[in-house]
Amino acid sequence: MIPSFHSSSTPNAQQSGAKLSNLALRTLVAAVGIPLYLFLIYLGGIWFFLANLVIVLAATHEFLLLSRPRADITSWIAMAGAAACLFFMSSGRVGQAASMAVAPFLLILLLHIVIGRCEGTMLYASQAAAAVLYIAWFFGHLFLLRNPTGSLQAWDTPGWQLVLLPLGITWITDTAAYAVGRAVGKHPFAPVVSPKKTWEGAMGGILGGVGAGALAAAVGIVSLKAGIVVGFFVGTVGQLGDLGESLLKREAGVKDSSSLIPGHGGVLDRFDSLLLNIPGTYYLLLLLAPGVH
């Protein structure tokens, strides 16, 4: 009898093939997306604004869907507020940008009064305000780094390099945390929220962040003191930001915020740590700027 090879694959082999395929897809998307975004950071101007507008609107949309089955008019109101907030941040008007959180809250309140709807008013109005502040306003600090003014100019560092500071340290932190966690991680860090995260991985991420900050100082972006302080902050707080988004997803009963980015999940999944790291880096650089006491 001639043996048949058509059904020789086992479930384990199929799973391994799927993992390899997913890894290849993740690598391809990263190989295209990261250099393109880095180029837009260097370019600045309208293209940098439009790229970040797409990121913020997509992340806002995903954030809103975590507590509702589908987008509705209140989602569009929140996204409009996020877009307005990002525009003011790109112009350096931080106070006006923050006030954009009030507008969707009041508009949704008014809308529910007009249509006579009593269900979900507080949830949708509050969520819209939170989305503007948590996503658009926090992430919008990227423009304040890209176009330094005031004390930030004391660093005498090009804005595109200041933008790379939180981004680069975050990426290195995430990589170090993952590598150390996979290699020696044994003690769960937050088993209910994210079972795979360990204390060993968290410590590896913090050390990776400090090392990345020291490297940034070595190439002349900031001073050694600032590099270490920012690196420690990013290495610590960024992981908390990641856990915060994991908590929101677990409450919503989903694995990823969306499937928008092939092999990577949603936009919010990829930028959750940066939502805290970007404004944190900005204010630390202001505090530690040369000549500031």
C-alpha atoms as a PDB file:
ATOM      1  CA  MET A   1       0.000   0.000   0.000  1.00  0.00           C
ATOM      2  CA  ILE A   2       1.263   3.459  -0.896  1.00  0.00           C
ATOM      3  CA  PRO A   3       1.209   5.707   2.167  1.00  0.00           C
ATOM      4  CA  SER A   4      -0.737   8.948   1.888  1.00  0.00           C
ATOM      5  CA  PHE A   5       0.909  12.197   2.895  1.00  0.00           C
ATOM      6  CA  HIS A   6      -2.110  14.457   2.447  1.00  0.00           C
ATOM      7  CA  SER A   7      -3.239  14.294   6.087  1.00  0.00           C
ATOM      8  CA  SER A   8       0.108  13.993   7.801  1.00  0.00           C
ATOM      9  CA  SER A   9      -0.030  17.421   9.414  1.00  0.00           C
ATOM     10  CA  THR A  10      -0.920  17.415  13.089  1.00  0.00           C
ATOM     11  CA  PRO A  11      -2.754  20.124  15.020  1.00  0.00           C
ATOM     12  CA  ASN A  12       0.556  21.110  16.628  1.00  0.00           C
ATOM     13  CA  ALA A  13       2.187  21.437  13.225  1.00  0.00           C
ATOM     14  CA  GLN A  14      -0.714  23.546  11.985  1.00  0.00           C
ATOM     15  CA  GLN A  15      -0.479  25.796  15.037  1.00  0.00           C
ATOM     16  CA  SER A  16       3.265  26.179  14.527  1.00  0.00           C
ATOM     17  CA  GLY A  17       2.682  27.102  10.904  1.00  0.00           C
ATOM     18  CA  ALA A  18       0.070  29.660  11.903  1.00  0.00           C
ATOM     19  CA  LYS A  19       2.451  31.202  14.449  1.00  0.00           C
ATOM     20  CA  LEU A  20       5.218  31.437  11.853  1.00  0.00           C
ATOM     21  CA  SER A  21       2.813  33.000   9.370  1.00  0.00           C
ATOM     22  CA  ASN A  22       1.650  35.526  11.968  1.00  0.00           C
ATOM     23  CA  LEU A  23       5.263  36.326  12.896  1.00  0.00           C
ATOM     24  CA  ALA A  24       6.131  36.890   9.244  1.00  0.00           C
ATOM     25  CA  LEU A  25       3.131  39.205   8.862  1.00  0.00           C
ATOM     26  CA  ARG A  26       4.041  41.147  12.011  1.00  0.00           C
ATOM     27  CA  THR A  27       7.616  41.515  10.784  1.00  0.00           C
ATOM     28  CA  LEU A  28       6.526  42.706   7.342  1.00  0.00           C
ATOM     29  CA  VAL A  29       4.120  45.303   8.730  1.00  0.00           C
ATOM     30  CA  ALA A  30       6.763  46.565  11.165  1.00  0.00           C
ATOM     31  CA  ALA A  31       9.434  46.671   8.438  1.00  0.00           C
ATOM     32  CA  VAL A  32       7.209  48.935   6.339  1.00  0.00           C
ATOM     33  CA  GLY A  33       5.358  50.931   8.991  1.00  0.00           C
ATOM     34  CA  ILE A  34       8.190  51.894  11.356  1.00  0.00           C
ATOM     35  CA  PRO A  35      10.553  53.402   8.725  1.00  0.00           C
ATOM     36  CA  LEU A  36       7.626  55.272   7.155  1.00  0.00           C
ATOM     37  CA  TYR A  37       6.575  56.762  10.496  1.00  0.00           C
ATOM     38  CA  LEU A  38      10.183  57.671  11.335  1.00  0.00           C
ATOM     39  CA  PHE A  39      10.446  59.470   8.003  1.00  0.00           C
ATOM     40  CA  LEU A  40       7.271  61.448   8.744  1.00  0.00           C
ATOM     41  CA  ILE A  41       8.664  62.378  12.171  1.00  0.00           C
ATOM     42  CA  TYR A  42      11.769  63.770  10.493  1.00  0.00           C
ATOM     43  CA  LEU A  43       9.698  65.494   7.797  1.00  0.00           C
ATOM     44  CA  GLY A  44       7.296  67.171  10.232  1.00  0.00           C
ATOM     45  CA  GLY A  45       4.676  69.595   8.935  1.00  0.00           C
ATOM     46  CA  ILE A  46       1.296  68.636   7.521  1.00  0.00           C
ATOM     47  CA  TRP A  47       2.232  65.030   6.736  1.00  0.00           C
ATOM     48  CA  PHE A  48       3.311  64.439  10.320  1.00  0.00           C
ATOM     49  CA  PHE A  49       0.028  65.944  11.516  1.00  0.00           C
ATOM     50  CA  LEU A  50      -2.075  63.816   9.161  1.00  0.00           C
ATOM     51  CA  ALA A  51      -0.271  60.609  10.161  1.00  0.00           C
ATOM     52  CA  ASN A  52      -0.906  61.294  13.844  1.00  0.00           C
ATOM     53  CA  LEU A  53      -4.491  62.326  13.137  1.00  0.00           C
ATOM     54  CA  VAL A  54      -5.111  58.902  11.591  1.00  0.00           C
ATOM     55  CA  ILE A  55      -3.501  57.214  14.605  1.00  0.00           C
ATOM     56  CA  VAL A  56      -5.544  59.220  17.123  1.00  0.00           C
ATOM     57  CA  LEU A  57      -8.868  58.786  15.308  1.00  0.00           C
ATOM     58  CA  ALA A  58      -8.331  55.031  14.935  1.00  0.00           C
ATOM     59  CA  ALA A  59      -7.305  54.662  18.594  1.00  0.00           C
ATOM     60  CA  THR A  60     -10.281  56.786  19.709  1.00  0.00           C
ATOM     61  CA  HIS A  61     -12.662  54.654  17.667  1.00  0.00           C
ATOM     62  CA  GLU A  62     -11.242  51.463  19.206  1.00  0.00           C
ATOM     63  CA  PHE A  63     -11.391  52.946  22.698  1.00  0.00           C
ATOM     64  CA  LEU A  64     -15.063  53.787  22.275  1.00  0.00           C
ATOM     65  CA  LEU A  65     -15.950  50.347  20.922  1.00  0.00           C
ATOM     66  CA  LEU A  66     -14.595  48.695  24.068  1.00  0.00           C
ATOM     67  CA  SER A  67     -17.819  49.614  25.872  1.00  0.00           C
ATOM     68  CA  ARG A  68     -20.369  49.618  23.056  1.00  0.00           C
ATOM     69  CA  PRO A  69     -21.335  47.119  20.344  1.00  0.00           C
ATOM     70  CA  ARG A  70     -20.919  49.505  17.409  1.00  0.00           C
ATOM     71  CA  ALA A  71     -20.173  53.093  16.492  1.00  0.00           C
ATOM     72  CA  ASP A  72     -23.032  55.606  16.619  1.00  0.00           C
ATOM     73  CA  ILE A  73     -23.459  59.366  16.473  1.00  0.00           C
ATOM     74  CA  THR A  74     -21.916  59.786  19.929  1.00  0.00           C
ATOM     75  CA  SER A  75     -18.772  58.066  18.594  1.00  0.00           C
ATOM     76  CA  TRP A  76     -18.516  60.581  15.783  1.00  0.00           C
ATOM     77  CA  ILE A  77     -18.962  63.442  18.250  1.00  0.00           C
ATOM     78  CA  ALA A  78     -16.107  62.071  20.366  1.00  0.00           C
ATOM     79  CA  MET A  79     -13.873  61.600  17.320  1.00  0.00           C
ATOM     80  CA  ALA A  80     -14.579  65.157  16.187  1.00  0.00           C
ATOM     81  CA  GLY A  81     -13.543  66.371  19.646  1.00  0.00           C
ATOM     82  CA  ALA A  82     -10.355  64.285  19.418  1.00  0.00           C
ATOM     83  CA  ALA A  83      -9.517  65.769  16.006  1.00  0.00           C
ATOM     84  CA  ALA A  84     -10.066  69.322  17.305  1.00  0.00           C
ATOM     85  CA  CYS A  85      -7.937  68.554  20.363  1.00  0.00           C
ATOM     86  CA  LEU A  86      -5.091  67.268  18.193  1.00  0.00           C
ATOM     87  CA  PHE A  87      -5.280  70.364  15.978  1.00  0.00           C
ATOM     88  CA  PHE A  88      -4.876  72.668  18.980  1.00  0.00           C
ATOM     89  CA  MET A  89      -1.998  70.532  20.295  1.00  0.00           C
ATOM     90  CA  SER A  90      -0.249  70.779  16.940  1.00  0.00           C
ATOM     91  CA  SER A  91      -0.544  74.560  17.259  1.00  0.00           C
ATOM     92  CA  GLY A  92       0.887  74.547  20.774  1.00  0.00           C
ATOM     93  CA  ARG A  93      -2.396  75.594  22.405  1.00  0.00           C
ATOM     94  CA  VAL A  94      -2.429  73.079  25.231  1.00  0.00           C
ATOM     95  CA  GLY A  95      -5.230  74.652  27.284  1.00  0.00           C
ATOM     96  CA  GLN A  96      -7.623  74.961  24.347  1.00  0.00           C
ATOM     97  CA  ALA A  97      -6.837  71.374  23.396  1.00  0.00           C
ATOM     98  CA  ALA A  98      -7.730  70.086  26.862  1.00  0.00           C
ATOM     99  CA  SER A  99     -10.990  72.041  26.821  1.00  0.00           C
ATOM    100  CA  MET A 100     -12.087  70.012  23.786  1.00  0.00           C
ATOM    101  CA  ALA A 101     -12.961  67.220  26.226  1.00  0.00           C
ATOM    102  CA  VAL A 102     -15.839  69.361  27.498  1.00  0.00           C
ATOM    103  CA  ALA A 103     -17.400  69.891  24.072  1.00  0.00           C
ATOM    104  CA  PRO A 104     -18.334  66.262  23.264  1.00  0.00           C
ATOM    105  CA  PHE A 105     -19.527  65.731  26.834  1.00  0.00           C
ATOM    106  CA  LEU A 106     -21.980  68.627  26.545  1.00  0.00           C
ATOM    107  CA  LEU A 107     -23.004  67.785  22.975  1.00  0.00           C
ATOM    108  CA  ILE A 108     -23.866  64.197  23.879  1.00  0.00           C
ATOM    109  CA  LEU A 109     -25.765  65.453  26.913  1.00  0.00           C
ATOM    110  CA  LEU A 110     -27.725  67.857  24.693  1.00  0.00           C
ATOM    111  CA  LEU A 111     -28.327  65.167  22.083  1.00  0.00           C
ATOM    112  CA  HIS A 112     -29.853  62.806  24.628  1.00  0.00           C
ATOM    113  CA  ILE A 113     -32.061  65.616  25.948  1.00  0.00           C
ATOM    114  CA  VAL A 114     -33.323  66.381  22.424  1.00  0.00           C
ATOM    115  CA  ILE A 115     -34.044  62.761  21.478  1.00  0.00           C
ATOM    116  CA  GLY A 116     -35.364  61.926  24.931  1.00  0.00           C
ATOM    117  CA  ARG A 117     -32.917  59.130  25.621  1.00  0.00           C
ATOM    118  CA  CYS A 118     -32.106  58.312  29.243  1.00  0.00           C
ATOM    119  CA  GLU A 119     -29.975  55.180  28.802  1.00  0.00           C
ATOM    120  CA  GLY A 120     -26.205  55.405  28.595  1.00  0.00           C
ATOM    121  CA  THR A 121     -25.997  59.203  28.797  1.00  0.00           C
ATOM    122  CA  MET A 122     -23.393  59.368  31.546  1.00  0.00           C
ATOM    123  CA  LEU A 123     -21.394  56.468  30.076  1.00  0.00           C
ATOM    124  CA  TYR A 124     -21.211  57.825  26.531  1.00  0.00           C
ATOM    125  CA  ALA A 125     -20.645  61.455  27.532  1.00  0.00           C
ATOM    126  CA  SER A 126     -17.932  60.559  30.044  1.00  0.00           C
ATOM    127  CA  GLN A 127     -16.291  58.100  27.688  1.00  0.00           C
ATOM    128  CA  ALA A 128     -16.157  60.740  24.950  1.00  0.00           C
ATOM    129  CA  ALA A 129     -14.460  63.197  27.303  1.00  0.00           C
ATOM    130  CA  ALA A 130     -12.047  60.506  28.501  1.00  0.00           C
ATOM    131  CA  ALA A 131     -11.152  59.572  24.918  1.00  0.00           C
ATOM    132  CA  VAL A 132     -10.256  63.167  24.067  1.00  0.00           C
ATOM    133  CA  LEU A 133      -8.019  63.553  27.120  1.00  0.00           C
ATOM    134  CA  TYR A 134      -6.549  60.059  27.359  1.00  0.00           C
ATOM    135  CA  ILE A 135      -5.830  59.607  23.661  1.00  0.00           C
ATOM    136  CA  ALA A 136      -5.810  62.890  21.733  1.00  0.00           C
ATOM    137  CA  TRP A 137      -4.474  65.218  24.438  1.00  0.00           C
ATOM    138  CA  PHE A 138      -1.864  62.815  25.815  1.00  0.00           C
ATOM    139  CA  PHE A 139      -0.676  61.710  22.380  1.00  0.00           C
ATOM    140  CA  GLY A 140      -0.781  65.292  21.098  1.00  0.00           C
ATOM    141  CA  HIS A 141       2.215  66.152  23.288  1.00  0.00           C
ATOM    142  CA  LEU A 142       4.194  64.616  20.448  1.00  0.00           C
ATOM    143  CA  PHE A 143       3.757  67.939  18.610  1.00  0.00           C
ATOM    144  CA  LEU A 144       5.143  69.856  21.587  1.00  0.00           C
ATOM    145  CA  LEU A 145       8.274  67.705  21.389  1.00  0.00           C
ATOM    146  CA  ARG A 146       8.481  68.004  17.592  1.00  0.00           C
ATOM    147  CA  ASN A 147       8.210  71.808  17.707  1.00  0.00           C
ATOM    148  CA  PRO A 148      10.059  72.742  20.916  1.00  0.00           C
ATOM    149  CA  THR A 149       9.389  76.128  22.492  1.00  0.00           C
ATOM    150  CA  GLY A 150      10.301  77.821  25.779  1.00  0.00           C
ATOM    151  CA  SER A 151      12.447  75.788  28.157  1.00  0.00           C
ATOM    152  CA  LEU A 152      12.495  72.844  25.783  1.00  0.00           C
ATOM    153  CA  GLN A 153      14.688  74.860  23.420  1.00  0.00           C
ATOM    154  CA  ALA A 154      17.399  74.897  26.079  1.00  0.00           C
ATOM    155  CA  TRP A 155      18.284  71.330  25.104  1.00  0.00           C
ATOM    156  CA  ASP A 156      19.432  72.641  21.713  1.00  0.00           C
ATOM    157  CA  THR A 157      18.218  69.365  20.207  1.00  0.00           C
ATOM    158  CA  PRO A 158      16.203  69.062  16.953  1.00  0.00           C
ATOM    159  CA  GLY A 159      12.538  68.372  17.574  1.00  0.00           C
ATOM    160  CA  TRP A 160      12.518  65.146  15.592  1.00  0.00           C
ATOM    161  CA  GLN A 161      15.173  63.751  17.933  1.00  0.00           C
ATOM    162  CA  LEU A 162      13.105  64.703  20.992  1.00  0.00           C
ATOM    163  CA  VAL A 163      10.158  62.810  19.490  1.00  0.00           C
ATOM    164  CA  LEU A 164      12.346  59.735  19.076  1.00  0.00           C
ATOM    165  CA  LEU A 165      13.185  59.792  22.793  1.00  0.00           C
ATOM    166  CA  PRO A 166       9.887  58.396  24.176  1.00  0.00           C
ATOM    167  CA  LEU A 167       9.301  56.269  21.086  1.00  0.00           C
ATOM    168  CA  GLY A 168      12.738  54.659  21.096  1.00  0.00           C
ATOM    169  CA  ILE A 169      12.864  54.068  24.850  1.00  0.00           C
ATOM    170  CA  THR A 170       9.367  52.577  24.783  1.00  0.00           C
ATOM    171  CA  TRP A 171      10.253  50.165  21.983  1.00  0.00           C
ATOM    172  CA  ILE A 172      13.428  49.080  23.780  1.00  0.00           C
ATOM    173  CA  THR A 173      11.539  48.722  27.069  1.00  0.00           C
ATOM    174  CA  ASP A 174       8.889  46.527  25.461  1.00  0.00           C
ATOM    175  CA  THR A 175      11.525  44.383  23.750  1.00  0.00           C
ATOM    176  CA  ALA A 176      13.574  43.967  26.935  1.00  0.00           C
ATOM    177  CA  ALA A 177      10.500  43.124  29.023  1.00  0.00           C
ATOM    178  CA  TYR A 178       9.385  40.517  26.500  1.00  0.00           C
ATOM    179  CA  ALA A 179      12.839  38.945  26.135  1.00  0.00           C
ATOM    180  CA  VAL A 180      13.563  38.762  29.862  1.00  0.00           C
ATOM    181  CA  GLY A 181      10.045  37.543  30.642  1.00  0.00           C
ATOM    182  CA  ARG A 182      10.333  34.771  28.073  1.00  0.00           C
ATOM    183  CA  ALA A 183      13.797  33.762  29.257  1.00  0.00           C
ATOM    184  CA  VAL A 184      13.522  33.800  33.048  1.00  0.00           C
ATOM    185  CA  GLY A 185      10.025  35.027  33.950  1.00  0.00           C
ATOM    186  CA  LYS A 186       8.408  32.927  36.665  1.00  0.00           C
ATOM    187  CA  HIS A 187       6.499  35.238  38.999  1.00  0.00           C
ATOM    188  CA  PRO A 188       3.275  36.756  37.579  1.00  0.00           C
ATOM    189  CA  PHE A 189       3.117  40.544  37.764  1.00  0.00           C
ATOM    190  CA  ALA A 190      -0.614  41.054  37.197  1.00  0.00           C
ATOM    191  CA  PRO A 191      -2.115  37.584  36.663  1.00  0.00           C
ATOM    192  CA  VAL A 192      -5.727  38.732  36.483  1.00  0.00           C
ATOM    193  CA  VAL A 193      -5.086  41.507  33.962  1.00  0.00           C
ATOM    194  CA  SER A 194      -2.237  40.040  31.895  1.00  0.00           C
ATOM    195  CA  PRO A 195      -1.239  36.482  32.891  1.00  0.00           C
ATOM    196  CA  LYS A 196       1.911  36.362  30.755  1.00  0.00           C
ATOM    197  CA  LYS A 197       3.576  39.399  32.337  1.00  0.00           C
ATOM    198  CA  THR A 198       6.078  38.656  35.094  1.00  0.00           C
ATOM    199  CA  TRP A 199       8.043  40.600  37.691  1.00  0.00           C
ATOM    200  CA  GLU A 200      11.256  39.495  35.990  1.00  0.00           C
ATOM    201  CA  GLY A 201      10.033  40.838  32.671  1.00  0.00           C
ATOM    202  CA  ALA A 202       8.939  44.113  34.288  1.00  0.00           C
ATOM    203  CA  MET A 203      12.380  44.582  35.873  1.00  0.00           C
ATOM    204  CA  GLY A 204      14.000  43.766  32.535  1.00  0.00           C
ATOM    205  CA  GLY A 205      11.850  46.429  30.891  1.00  0.00           C
ATOM    206  CA  ILE A 206      12.830  49.053  33.461  1.00  0.00           C
ATOM    207  CA  LEU A 207      16.534  48.257  33.055  1.00  0.00           C
ATOM    208  CA  GLY A 208      16.080  48.362  29.301  1.00  0.00           C
ATOM    209  CA  GLY A 209      14.461  51.791  29.595  1.00  0.00           C
ATOM    210  CA  VAL A 210      17.288  53.143  31.753  1.00  0.00           C
ATOM    211  CA  GLY A 211      19.856  51.715  29.348  1.00  0.00           C
ATOM    212  CA  ALA A 212      18.051  53.275  26.373  1.00  0.00           C
ATOM    213  CA  GLY A 213      17.956  56.639  28.189  1.00  0.00           C
ATOM    214  CA  ALA A 214      21.696  56.420  28.844  1.00  0.00           C
ATOM    215  CA  LEU A 215      22.214  55.636  25.162  1.00  0.00           C
ATOM    216  CA  ALA A 216      20.182  58.712  24.213  1.00  0.00           C
ATOM    217  CA  ALA A 217      22.488  60.760  26.434  1.00  0.00           C
ATOM    218  CA  ALA A 218      25.567  59.156  24.853  1.00  0.00           C
ATOM    219  CA  VAL A 219      24.509  60.306  21.378  1.00  0.00           C
ATOM    220  CA  GLY A 220      23.856  63.829  22.645  1.00  0.00           C
ATOM    221  CA  ILE A 221      20.054  64.060  22.662  1.00  0.00           C
ATOM    222  CA  VAL A 222      19.831  64.892  26.382  1.00  0.00           C
ATOM    223  CA  SER A 223      22.083  64.936  29.445  1.00  0.00           C
ATOM    224  CA  LEU A 224      22.935  61.710  31.273  1.00  0.00           C
ATOM    225  CA  LYS A 225      20.769  62.715  34.235  1.00  0.00           C
ATOM    226  CA  ALA A 226      17.773  63.424  32.015  1.00  0.00           C
ATOM    227  CA  GLY A 227      18.348  60.262  29.998  1.00  0.00           C
ATOM    228  CA  ILE A 228      18.328  58.052  33.081  1.00  0.00           C
ATOM    229  CA  VAL A 229      15.316  59.807  34.654  1.00  0.00           C
ATOM    230  CA  VAL A 230      13.296  59.685  31.430  1.00  0.00           C
ATOM    231  CA  GLY A 231      14.399  56.100  30.801  1.00  0.00           C
ATOM    232  CA  PHE A 232      13.285  55.003  34.259  1.00  0.00           C
ATOM    233  CA  PHE A 233       9.956  56.819  33.879  1.00  0.00           C
ATOM    234  CA  VAL A 234       9.250  55.378  30.440  1.00  0.00           C
ATOM    235  CA  GLY A 235      10.396  51.906  31.487  1.00  0.00           C
ATOM    236  CA  THR A 236       8.056  51.956  34.478  1.00  0.00           C
ATOM    237  CA  VAL A 237       4.998  53.973  33.499  1.00  0.00           C
ATOM    238  CA  GLY A 238       4.833  52.611  29.964  1.00  0.00           C
ATOM    239  CA  GLN A 239       4.296  49.109  31.306  1.00  0.00           C
ATOM    240  CA  LEU A 240       1.505  50.404  33.528  1.00  0.00           C
ATOM    241  CA  GLY A 241      -0.095  52.012  30.482  1.00  0.00           C
ATOM    242  CA  ASP A 242       0.046  48.681  28.696  1.00  0.00           C
ATOM    243  CA  LEU A 243      -1.606  46.967  31.676  1.00  0.00           C
ATOM    244  CA  GLY A 244      -4.262  49.673  31.797  1.00  0.00           C
ATOM    245  CA  GLU A 245      -5.289  48.949  28.219  1.00  0.00           C
ATOM    246  CA  SER A 246      -5.205  45.206  28.949  1.00  0.00           C
ATOM    247  CA  LEU A 247      -7.633  45.827  31.805  1.00  0.00           C
ATOM    248  CA  LEU A 248     -10.016  47.688  29.480  1.00  0.00           C
ATOM    249  CA  LYS A 249      -9.856  44.849  26.941  1.00  0.00           C
ATOM    250  CA  ARG A 250     -10.396  42.200  29.602  1.00  0.00           C
ATOM    251  CA  GLU A 251     -13.468  44.059  30.841  1.00  0.00           C
ATOM    252  CA  ALA A 252     -14.748  44.209  27.256  1.00  0.00           C
ATOM    253  CA  GLY A 253     -13.960  40.517  26.723  1.00  0.00           C
ATOM    254  CA  VAL A 254     -11.676  41.015  23.698  1.00  0.00           C
ATOM    255  CA  LYS A 255      -8.093  40.005  22.960  1.00  0.00           C
ATOM    256  CA  ASP A 256      -7.182  42.998  20.775  1.00  0.00           C
ATOM    257  CA  SER A 257      -8.646  46.481  20.483  1.00  0.00           C
ATOM    258  CA  SER A 258      -9.256  45.692  16.778  1.00  0.00           C
ATOM    259  CA  SER A 259      -7.688  43.838  13.846  1.00  0.00           C
ATOM    260  CA  LEU A 260      -6.814  46.981  11.920  1.00  0.00           C
ATOM    261  CA  ILE A 261      -3.038  46.338  11.807  1.00  0.00           C
ATOM    262  CA  PRO A 262      -2.348  42.906  10.296  1.00  0.00           C
ATOM    263  CA  GLY A 263      -0.554  40.682  12.784  1.00  0.00           C
ATOM    264  CA  HIS A 264      -0.462  43.399  15.451  1.00  0.00           C
ATOM    265  CA  GLY A 265      -4.062  43.893  16.544  1.00  0.00           C
ATOM    266  CA  GLY A 266      -5.355  47.434  16.866  1.00  0.00           C
ATOM    267  CA  VAL A 267      -3.807  50.893  16.904  1.00  0.00           C
ATOM    268  CA  LEU A 268      -4.553  51.227  20.611  1.00  0.00           C
ATOM    269  CA  ASP A 269      -2.666  47.965  21.217  1.00  0.00           C
ATOM    270  CA  ARG A 270       0.465  49.398  19.601  1.00  0.00           C
ATOM    271  CA  PHE A 271       0.352  52.875  21.156  1.00  0.00           C
ATOM    272  CA  ASP A 272      -1.040  52.210  24.642  1.00  0.00           C
ATOM    273  CA  SER A 273       2.321  52.652  26.424  1.00  0.00           C
ATOM    274  CA  LEU A 274       3.083  55.854  24.508  1.00  0.00           C
ATOM    275  CA  LEU A 275      -0.102  57.532  25.707  1.00  0.00           C
ATOM    276  CA  LEU A 276       1.580  58.005  29.085  1.00  0.00           C
ATOM    277  CA  ASN A 277       5.207  58.055  27.973  1.00  0.00           C
ATOM    278  CA  ILE A 278       4.917  60.945  25.524  1.00  0.00           C
ATOM    279  CA  PRO A 279       3.505  63.583  27.922  1.00  0.00           C
ATOM    280  CA  GLY A 280       5.682  62.214  30.740  1.00  0.00           C
ATOM    281  CA  THR A 281       8.806  62.687  28.628  1.00  0.00           C
ATOM    282  CA  TYR A 282       7.730  66.195  27.628  1.00  0.00           C
ATOM    283  CA  TYR A 283       7.184  67.435  31.174  1.00  0.00           C
ATOM    284  CA  LEU A 284      10.328  65.765  32.492  1.00  0.00           C
ATOM    285  CA  LEU A 285      12.388  67.450  29.787  1.00  0.00           C
ATOM    286  CA  LEU A 286      10.853  70.778  30.761  1.00  0.00           C
ATOM    287  CA  LEU A 287      11.673  70.134  34.418  1.00  0.00           C
ATOM    288  CA  LEU A 288      15.243  68.968  33.723  1.00  0.00           C
ATOM    289  CA  ALA A 289      16.080  71.464  30.994  1.00  0.00           C
ATOM    290  CA  PRO A 290      19.471  73.214  31.337  1.00  0.00           C
ATOM    291  CA  GLY A 291      19.129  76.405  33.367  1.00  0.00           C
ATOM    292  CA  VAL A 292      15.801  75.402  34.927  1.00  0.00           C
ATOM    293  CA  HIS A 293      15.848  75.206  38.751  1.00  0.00           C
END
